[in-house]
Amino acid sequence: MKDMEERFPRGIWVRLIIYIAVGHLFAAFIYLLFELGAKQ
């Protein structure tokens, strides 16, 4: 695991986690819009 950490600085890991979290929130928001739109 130490080899992986040397190849990728911590800043890249933080950015990756933020992008994944934002991506999931965005996808959930769009899914909710479609779910609410389908019920009306």
Protein backbone atom coordinates (compact mmCIF):
# COMPACT_ATOMS: atom_id res chain seq x y z
CA MET A 1 0.00 0.00 0.00
CA LYS A 2 2.97 2.30 0.63
CA ASP A 3 3.91 2.07 -3.05
CA MET A 4 0.44 3.33 -4.04
CA GLU A 5 0.70 6.29 -1.68
CA GLU A 6 4.04 7.29 -3.18
CA ARG A 7 2.62 7.22 -6.70
CA PHE A 8 -0.49 9.26 -5.77
CA PRO A 9 -0.13 12.30 -3.50
CA ARG A 10 -2.77 12.74 -0.79
CA GLY A 11 -4.27 15.73 -2.65
CA ILE A 12 -5.30 13.48 -5.54
CA TRP A 13 -7.04 11.04 -3.16
CA VAL A 14 -8.92 13.91 -1.48
CA ARG A 15 -9.99 15.31 -4.87
CA LEU A 16 -11.06 11.83 -6.05
CA ILE A 17 -13.22 11.28 -2.95
CA ILE A 18 -14.82 14.73 -3.35
CA TYR A 19 -15.56 14.10 -7.04
CA ILE A 20 -17.14 10.71 -6.25
CA ALA A 21 -19.24 12.21 -3.42
CA VAL A 22 -20.43 15.13 -5.59
CA GLY A 23 -21.12 12.77 -8.48
CA HIS A 24 -23.30 10.57 -6.30
CA LEU A 25 -25.19 13.57 -4.89
CA PHE A 26 -25.78 14.88 -8.42
CA ALA A 27 -26.97 11.47 -9.63
CA ALA A 28 -29.30 11.12 -6.63
CA PHE A 29 -30.72 14.60 -7.29
CA ILE A 30 -31.46 13.78 -10.95
CA TYR A 31 -32.97 10.42 -9.90
CA LEU A 32 -35.26 12.21 -7.42
CA LEU A 33 -36.34 14.68 -10.11
CA PHE A 34 -37.30 11.82 -12.44
CA GLU A 35 -39.09 9.94 -9.63
CA LEU A 36 -41.14 13.00 -8.65
CA GLY A 37 -41.81 13.86 -12.29
CA ALA A 38 -43.08 10.35 -13.04
CA LYS A 39 -45.60 10.42 -10.17
CA GLN A 40 -47.30 13.62 -11.28
